Amino acid sequence: MSAPLPFVLYEPTGGQAPHPVIVFLHGSGERGDGDFVLAKKHGLPKYLDQGNTLPAYVLVPQCPLNVGWGDVLSRLDRTITDVIAAHDIDQRRLYITGFSMGGYGSWSYVTHYPTRFAAMLPVAGTGFHQIFLRELDPCAIGSTPVWIIQSGGDPIVPASRSDVIVANLTDCGANFKYTRYETEDHGETAQRAFFDPAIYEWLFQQTKP
């Protein structure tokens, strides 16, 4: 059986048990072996570390050095399974999000486990990752609702890649929405997205039958 990944788990603030859980996957520059200062550098953990709260568990696993999330899907799945088993979590409200390589990781996980999450929210990360040269079929997410957030000003993950995914999702009738910022660069896209309360409102509205 695969070993779990190192992780940080934020406790929910407010709300009623059982609580939802949001899995956040970090980018390529935050990989390590339990270096959670790195793992929490951007996105959702940064939002929480600056004093914001959510009525949900937030699970932040760390991807090992020199590999991508697609290389550790079984370990990621084991980590998620262990956390769910150890806490009072509403399994109808499991969500996954990620930034940059973590956005790709979200696509990768959901295409392999299309019925697990109630929603997915990839930020500045598409179904194609330029570092690991792997392309995924976005329609393999099945009926999972997805909100794609990208920026036309991102020089690292071009918005054109998300545009292609959006075209594919449209063709297969997927349940998705697409937000395309105009000028934000890579890091600014994460800052704007994860500090926007609207994304959490949308996530918490998604519930599996």
Foldseek 3Di string as FASTA:
>chain_A
DDAAFDKDKDAADDDDFPFAEEEEEEAQQLAARNPVCSQQVFFQSVLVVVPDGHRHMYIGGHHHHPDALLVCLVNHVVNVVVVPVVGGHDQQQYEYEYAASSLLNQQNNLLVVLPRHLAYEYFLYAQAHPVVGDHDQSCSSPAREYEYEEECQEPRRHCVRVVVNVVSCVVNVYHYHYHYHYHDYRRRRSVVVRNDVVVVVVSVVGGHD
